[in-house]
């Protein structure tokens, strides 16, 4: 009985190490979530990039309340990317005045300047 218990313990340890080795990418990406400081706008999918570019005026001035379920899904996806943050069903840029959102602060100002000129 003692031998069976020792073999089962060794196999359990090997299985645990194999599990961690198999999930290493997920584990390392989880740690990167808390150390990544900027989001490259070009790394976003085209649909999400177009959405945030078209709504730049709303995101720069205040919080944005999605109108359609599709917009809500895009906002949730942008929250997962670290571009937006959600509070009470409304969304806004994570830190529009700082460098944390990569090019989105400059993108927002660029879009607002082009709107004000026309």
N, C-alpha and C. Protein backbone atom coordinates (compact mmCIF):
# COMPACT_ATOMS: atom_id res chain seq x y z
N UNK A 1 0.83 -1.19 0.00
CA UNK A 1 0.00 0.00 0.00
C UNK A 1 0.87 1.25 0.00
N UNK A 2 1.96 1.20 0.79
CA UNK A 2 2.86 2.34 0.87
C UNK A 2 3.52 2.62 -0.48
N UNK A 3 3.86 1.57 -1.20
CA UNK A 3 4.48 1.72 -2.52
C UNK A 3 3.51 2.34 -3.50
N UNK A 4 2.27 1.95 -3.48
CA UNK A 4 1.25 2.51 -4.37
C UNK A 4 1.04 3.99 -4.08
N UNK A 5 1.02 4.34 -2.81
CA UNK A 5 0.86 5.74 -2.42
C UNK A 5 2.05 6.59 -2.90
N UNK A 6 3.26 6.07 -2.80
CA UNK A 6 4.45 6.80 -3.27
C UNK A 6 4.43 6.98 -4.79
N UNK A 7 4.02 5.94 -5.51
CA UNK A 7 3.94 6.03 -6.97
C UNK A 7 2.87 7.04 -7.37
N UNK A 8 1.73 7.01 -6.72
CA UNK A 8 0.64 7.96 -7.03
C UNK A 8 1.08 9.39 -6.74
N UNK A 9 1.84 9.60 -5.67
CA UNK A 9 2.35 10.94 -5.34
C UNK A 9 3.31 11.43 -6.41
N UNK A 10 4.21 10.56 -6.85
CA UNK A 10 5.16 10.94 -7.91
C UNK A 10 4.43 11.26 -9.21
N UNK A 11 3.47 10.43 -9.57
CA UNK A 11 2.69 10.68 -10.79
C UNK A 11 1.89 11.98 -10.68
N UNK A 12 1.36 12.27 -9.51
CA UNK A 12 0.63 13.53 -9.31
C UNK A 12 1.55 14.73 -9.45
N UNK A 13 2.77 14.62 -8.93
CA UNK A 13 3.73 15.71 -9.07
C UNK A 13 4.13 15.93 -10.51
N UNK A 14 4.36 14.84 -11.23
CA UNK A 14 4.70 14.94 -12.66
C UNK A 14 3.55 15.55 -13.43
N UNK A 15 2.34 15.16 -13.11
CA UNK A 15 1.16 15.72 -13.78
C UNK A 15 1.03 17.22 -13.50
N UNK A 16 1.30 17.63 -12.28
CA UNK A 16 1.22 19.06 -11.95
C UNK A 16 2.27 19.86 -12.72
N UNK A 17 3.48 19.34 -12.81
CA UNK A 17 4.52 20.03 -13.58
C UNK A 17 4.17 20.09 -15.06
N UNK A 18 3.62 19.00 -15.57
CA UNK A 18 3.21 18.97 -16.97
C UNK A 18 2.10 20.00 -17.22
N UNK A 19 1.14 20.12 -16.31
CA UNK A 19 0.07 21.10 -16.42
C UNK A 19 0.63 22.51 -16.47
N UNK A 20 1.54 22.84 -15.56
CA UNK A 20 2.12 24.18 -15.54
C UNK A 20 2.93 24.45 -16.81
N UNK A 21 3.65 23.45 -17.29
CA UNK A 21 4.40 23.61 -18.53
C UNK A 21 3.46 23.85 -19.70
N UNK A 22 2.36 23.13 -19.74
CA UNK A 22 1.38 23.27 -20.81
C UNK A 22 0.71 24.64 -20.78
N UNK A 23 0.49 25.20 -19.61
CA UNK A 23 -0.20 26.48 -19.45
C UNK A 23 0.76 27.66 -19.29
N UNK A 24 2.02 27.48 -19.60
CA UNK A 24 3.03 28.53 -19.35
C UNK A 24 2.72 29.82 -20.10
N UNK A 25 2.22 29.73 -21.31
CA UNK A 25 1.91 30.94 -22.08
C UNK A 25 0.80 31.73 -21.40
N UNK A 26 -0.22 31.04 -20.95
CA UNK A 26 -1.34 31.71 -20.27
C UNK A 26 -0.87 32.35 -18.97
N UNK A 27 -0.04 31.65 -18.23
CA UNK A 27 0.45 32.18 -16.96
C UNK A 27 1.31 33.40 -17.18
N UNK A 28 2.22 33.35 -18.16
CA UNK A 28 3.08 34.50 -18.43
C UNK A 28 2.28 35.69 -18.96
N UNK A 29 1.27 35.44 -19.78
CA UNK A 29 0.42 36.54 -20.27
C UNK A 29 -0.38 37.17 -19.14
N UNK A 30 -0.77 36.37 -18.16
CA UNK A 30 -1.50 36.92 -17.03
C UNK A 30 -0.62 37.91 -16.26
N UNK A 31 0.65 37.57 -16.07
CA UNK A 31 1.56 38.49 -15.40
C UNK A 31 1.82 39.73 -16.24
N UNK A 32 1.84 39.59 -17.55
CA UNK A 32 2.06 40.74 -18.43
C UNK A 32 0.90 41.72 -18.40
N UNK A 33 -0.30 41.27 -18.05
CA UNK A 33 -1.44 42.17 -17.97
C UNK A 33 -1.18 43.31 -16.98
N UNK A 34 -0.46 43.01 -15.91
CA UNK A 34 -0.24 44.00 -14.87
C UNK A 34 1.04 44.81 -15.08
N UNK A 35 1.86 44.42 -16.03
CA UNK A 35 3.10 45.14 -16.28
C UNK A 35 3.09 45.90 -17.59
N UNK A 36 2.13 45.64 -18.47
CA UNK A 36 2.06 46.34 -19.75
C UNK A 36 1.54 47.75 -19.51
N UNK A 37 2.24 48.74 -20.05
CA UNK A 37 1.86 50.12 -19.79
C UNK A 37 1.18 50.80 -20.97
N UNK A 38 1.32 50.28 -22.16
CA UNK A 38 0.69 50.95 -23.29
C UNK A 38 0.05 49.94 -24.23
N UNK A 39 -0.93 50.43 -24.95
CA UNK A 39 -1.62 49.62 -25.94
C UNK A 39 -1.33 50.24 -27.29
N UNK A 40 -0.79 49.45 -28.18
CA UNK A 40 -0.53 49.93 -29.52
C UNK A 40 -1.84 49.90 -30.30
N UNK A 41 -2.30 51.04 -30.80
CA UNK A 41 -3.58 51.05 -31.52
C UNK A 41 -3.57 50.16 -32.75
N UNK A 42 -2.40 49.98 -33.36
CA UNK A 42 -2.34 49.16 -34.56
C UNK A 42 -2.44 47.67 -34.25
N UNK A 43 -2.32 47.30 -32.99
CA UNK A 43 -2.45 45.89 -32.62
C UNK A 43 -3.91 45.48 -32.43
N UNK A 44 -4.81 46.44 -32.43
CA UNK A 44 -6.24 46.13 -32.27
C UNK A 44 -6.82 45.63 -33.58
N UNK A 45 -7.86 44.80 -33.51
CA UNK A 45 -8.57 44.42 -34.74
C UNK A 45 -9.16 45.65 -35.43
N UNK A 46 -9.30 45.57 -36.74
CA UNK A 46 -9.75 46.72 -37.53
C UNK A 46 -11.08 47.28 -37.07
N UNK A 47 -12.02 46.41 -36.74
CA UNK A 47 -13.35 46.86 -36.33
C UNK A 47 -13.28 47.66 -35.03
N UNK A 48 -12.46 47.23 -34.09
CA UNK A 48 -12.33 47.94 -32.82
C UNK A 48 -11.58 49.26 -33.00
N UNK A 49 -10.55 49.26 -33.83
CA UNK A 49 -9.82 50.49 -34.10
C UNK A 49 -10.72 51.52 -34.75
N UNK A 50 -11.51 51.10 -35.74
CA UNK A 50 -12.44 52.01 -36.42
C UNK A 50 -13.48 52.55 -35.43
N UNK A 51 -13.98 51.68 -34.55
CA UNK A 51 -14.97 52.10 -33.57
C UNK A 51 -14.42 53.18 -32.66
N UNK A 52 -13.24 52.97 -32.10
CA UNK A 52 -12.71 53.96 -31.16
C UNK A 52 -12.30 55.23 -31.88
N UNK A 53 -11.86 55.13 -33.13
CA UNK A 53 -11.51 56.32 -33.89
C UNK A 53 -12.76 57.15 -34.19
N UNK A 54 -13.85 56.48 -34.56
CA UNK A 54 -15.10 57.20 -34.86
C UNK A 54 -15.74 57.81 -33.62
N UNK A 55 -15.53 57.21 -32.47
CA UNK A 55 -16.12 57.71 -31.22
C UNK A 55 -15.11 58.50 -30.39
N UNK A 56 -14.03 58.95 -30.99
CA UNK A 56 -12.96 59.62 -30.25
C UNK A 56 -13.45 60.87 -29.52
N UNK A 57 -14.38 61.57 -30.11
CA UNK A 57 -14.90 62.79 -29.47
C UNK A 57 -15.60 62.48 -28.15
N UNK A 58 -16.37 61.40 -28.15
CA UNK A 58 -17.07 61.00 -26.91
C UNK A 58 -16.08 60.55 -25.84
N UNK A 59 -15.11 59.74 -26.25
CA UNK A 59 -14.15 59.21 -25.29
C UNK A 59 -13.24 60.30 -24.73
N UNK A 60 -12.97 61.34 -25.49
CA UNK A 60 -12.07 62.40 -25.03
C UNK A 60 -12.75 63.32 -24.02
N UNK A 61 -14.02 63.58 -24.21
CA UNK A 61 -14.70 64.57 -23.38
C UNK A 61 -15.42 63.98 -22.17
N UNK A 62 -15.93 62.79 -22.30
CA UNK A 62 -16.72 62.24 -21.20
C UNK A 62 -16.80 60.73 -21.34
N UNK A 63 -17.71 60.16 -20.61
CA UNK A 63 -17.95 58.73 -20.69
C UNK A 63 -18.90 58.44 -21.85
N UNK A 64 -18.78 57.23 -22.38
CA UNK A 64 -19.59 56.85 -23.53
C UNK A 64 -20.55 55.73 -23.12
N UNK A 65 -21.80 55.90 -23.47
CA UNK A 65 -22.82 54.89 -23.22
C UNK A 65 -23.18 54.23 -24.55
N UNK A 66 -22.87 52.94 -24.70
CA UNK A 66 -23.16 52.26 -25.97
C UNK A 66 -24.65 52.25 -26.27
N UNK A 67 -24.97 52.44 -27.55
CA UNK A 67 -26.36 52.50 -27.97
C UNK A 67 -26.88 51.13 -28.39
N UNK A 68 -26.08 50.37 -29.11
CA UNK A 68 -26.50 49.07 -29.61
C UNK A 68 -25.73 47.95 -28.91
N UNK A 69 -26.24 46.74 -28.98
CA UNK A 69 -25.50 45.61 -28.40
C UNK A 69 -24.13 45.40 -29.06
N UNK A 70 -24.03 45.71 -30.37
CA UNK A 70 -22.75 45.58 -31.06
C UNK A 70 -21.72 46.55 -30.48
N UNK A 71 -22.15 47.78 -30.21
CA UNK A 71 -21.25 48.76 -29.61
C UNK A 71 -20.83 48.32 -28.21
N UNK A 72 -21.77 47.74 -27.48
CA UNK A 72 -21.45 47.25 -26.14
C UNK A 72 -20.41 46.14 -26.20
N UNK A 73 -20.54 45.23 -27.17
CA UNK A 73 -19.56 44.16 -27.34
C UNK A 73 -18.19 44.72 -27.69
N UNK A 74 -18.15 45.74 -28.57
CA UNK A 74 -16.87 46.36 -28.93
C UNK A 74 -16.24 47.04 -27.72
N UNK A 75 -17.05 47.71 -26.92
CA UNK A 75 -16.53 48.36 -25.71
C UNK A 75 -15.97 47.33 -24.74
N UNK A 76 -16.67 46.22 -24.56
CA UNK A 76 -16.18 45.18 -23.66
C UNK A 76 -14.87 44.59 -24.16
N UNK A 77 -14.77 44.42 -25.47
CA UNK A 77 -13.53 43.91 -26.04
C UNK A 77 -12.39 44.90 -25.82
N UNK A 78 -12.68 46.19 -25.96
CA UNK A 78 -11.65 47.21 -25.72
C UNK A 78 -11.28 47.29 -24.25
N UNK A 79 -12.20 46.96 -23.36
CA UNK A 79 -11.86 46.86 -21.93
C UNK A 79 -10.87 45.73 -21.72
N UNK A 80 -11.11 44.60 -22.40
CA UNK A 80 -10.20 43.46 -22.29
C UNK A 80 -8.82 43.78 -22.84
N UNK A 81 -8.75 44.64 -23.85
CA UNK A 81 -7.47 45.05 -24.41
C UNK A 81 -6.76 46.09 -23.53
N UNK A 82 -7.48 46.67 -22.58
CA UNK A 82 -6.88 47.67 -21.70
C UNK A 82 -6.99 49.08 -22.21
N UNK A 83 -7.81 49.32 -23.24
CA UNK A 83 -7.97 50.64 -23.81
C UNK A 83 -9.03 51.44 -23.08
N UNK A 84 -10.13 50.77 -22.73
CA UNK A 84 -11.24 51.42 -22.04
C UNK A 84 -11.39 50.84 -20.64
N UNK A 85 -12.08 51.60 -19.79
CA UNK A 85 -12.49 51.05 -18.50
C UNK A 85 -13.98 51.30 -18.36
N UNK A 86 -14.65 50.39 -17.64
CA UNK A 86 -16.10 50.45 -17.49
C UNK A 86 -16.46 50.88 -16.08
N UNK A 87 -17.49 51.73 -16.00
CA UNK A 87 -18.03 52.12 -14.71
C UNK A 87 -19.52 52.37 -14.89
N UNK A 88 -20.31 51.55 -14.23
CA UNK A 88 -21.78 51.66 -14.27
C UNK A 88 -22.34 51.62 -15.69
N UNK A 89 -21.79 50.77 -16.53
CA UNK A 89 -22.29 50.62 -17.89
C UNK A 89 -21.79 51.64 -18.88
N UNK A 90 -20.99 52.60 -18.43
CA UNK A 90 -20.41 53.58 -19.34
C UNK A 90 -18.91 53.30 -19.47
N UNK A 91 -18.34 53.76 -20.56
CA UNK A 91 -16.95 53.46 -20.87
C UNK A 91 -16.18 54.76 -21.11
N UNK A 92 -14.91 54.75 -20.71
CA UNK A 92 -14.03 55.87 -21.04
C UNK A 92 -12.61 55.35 -21.17
N UNK A 93 -11.75 56.17 -21.75
CA UNK A 93 -10.36 55.78 -21.93
C UNK A 93 -9.72 55.53 -20.58
N UNK A 94 -8.77 54.62 -20.53
CA UNK A 94 -8.16 54.27 -19.26
C UNK A 94 -7.47 55.47 -18.63
N UNK A 95 -6.60 56.14 -19.34
CA UNK A 95 -5.91 57.34 -18.86
C UNK A 95 -5.65 58.26 -20.05
N UNK A 96 -6.61 59.04 -20.49
CA UNK A 96 -6.43 59.82 -21.72
C UNK A 96 -5.35 60.88 -21.62
N UNK A 97 -4.97 61.31 -20.44
CA UNK A 97 -3.97 62.36 -20.30
C UNK A 97 -2.56 61.80 -20.16
N UNK A 98 -2.45 60.47 -19.98
CA UNK A 98 -1.14 59.87 -19.78
C UNK A 98 -0.76 59.01 -20.97
N UNK A 99 0.42 58.45 -20.92
CA UNK A 99 0.93 57.63 -22.01
C UNK A 99 0.41 56.20 -21.95
N UNK A 100 -0.41 55.86 -20.94
CA UNK A 100 -0.84 54.48 -20.74
C UNK A 100 -1.66 53.92 -21.89
N UNK A 101 -2.29 54.74 -22.66
CA UNK A 101 -3.11 54.23 -23.73
C UNK A 101 -2.41 54.33 -25.07
N UNK A 102 -1.11 54.41 -25.06
CA UNK A 102 -0.35 54.41 -26.30
C UNK A 102 -0.70 55.59 -27.17
N UNK A 103 -1.10 55.31 -28.39
CA UNK A 103 -1.40 56.36 -29.34
C UNK A 103 -2.79 56.91 -29.25
N UNK A 104 -3.63 56.39 -28.35
CA UNK A 104 -5.01 56.84 -28.34
C UNK A 104 -5.19 58.25 -27.83
N UNK A 105 -4.33 58.72 -26.95
CA UNK A 105 -4.44 60.11 -26.51
C UNK A 105 -4.17 61.05 -27.67
N UNK A 106 -3.11 60.79 -28.42
CA UNK A 106 -2.81 61.64 -29.56
C UNK A 106 -3.83 61.43 -30.67
N UNK A 107 -4.34 60.20 -30.82
CA UNK A 107 -5.35 59.92 -31.81
C UNK A 107 -6.62 60.70 -31.50
N UNK A 108 -7.00 60.77 -30.24
CA UNK A 108 -8.19 61.50 -29.84
C UNK A 108 -8.02 62.99 -30.12
N UNK A 109 -6.89 63.55 -29.75
CA UNK A 109 -6.68 64.97 -30.01
C UNK A 109 -6.62 65.26 -31.50
N UNK A 110 -6.04 64.36 -32.28
CA UNK A 110 -5.98 64.54 -33.72
C UNK A 110 -7.38 64.56 -34.30
N UNK A 111 -8.22 63.63 -33.86
CA UNK A 111 -9.58 63.55 -34.37
C UNK A 111 -10.39 64.79 -33.97
N UNK A 112 -10.23 65.26 -32.73
CA UNK A 112 -10.95 66.44 -32.30
C UNK A 112 -10.50 67.68 -33.04
N UNK A 113 -9.22 67.80 -33.31
CA UNK A 113 -8.74 68.95 -34.05
C UNK A 113 -9.28 68.96 -35.47
N UNK A 114 -9.39 67.78 -36.11
CA UNK A 114 -9.91 67.73 -37.47
C UNK A 114 -11.42 68.04 -37.46
N UNK A 115 -12.14 67.68 -36.41
CA UNK A 115 -13.57 67.99 -36.33
C UNK A 115 -13.77 69.48 -36.13
N UNK A 116 -12.95 70.10 -35.30
CA UNK A 116 -13.11 71.53 -35.02
C UNK A 116 -12.75 72.40 -36.21
N UNK A 117 -11.91 71.94 -37.09
CA UNK A 117 -11.51 72.74 -38.26
C UNK A 117 -12.55 72.75 -39.34
N UNK A 118 -13.41 71.72 -39.38
CA UNK A 118 -14.38 71.61 -40.48
C UNK A 118 -15.70 72.19 -40.12
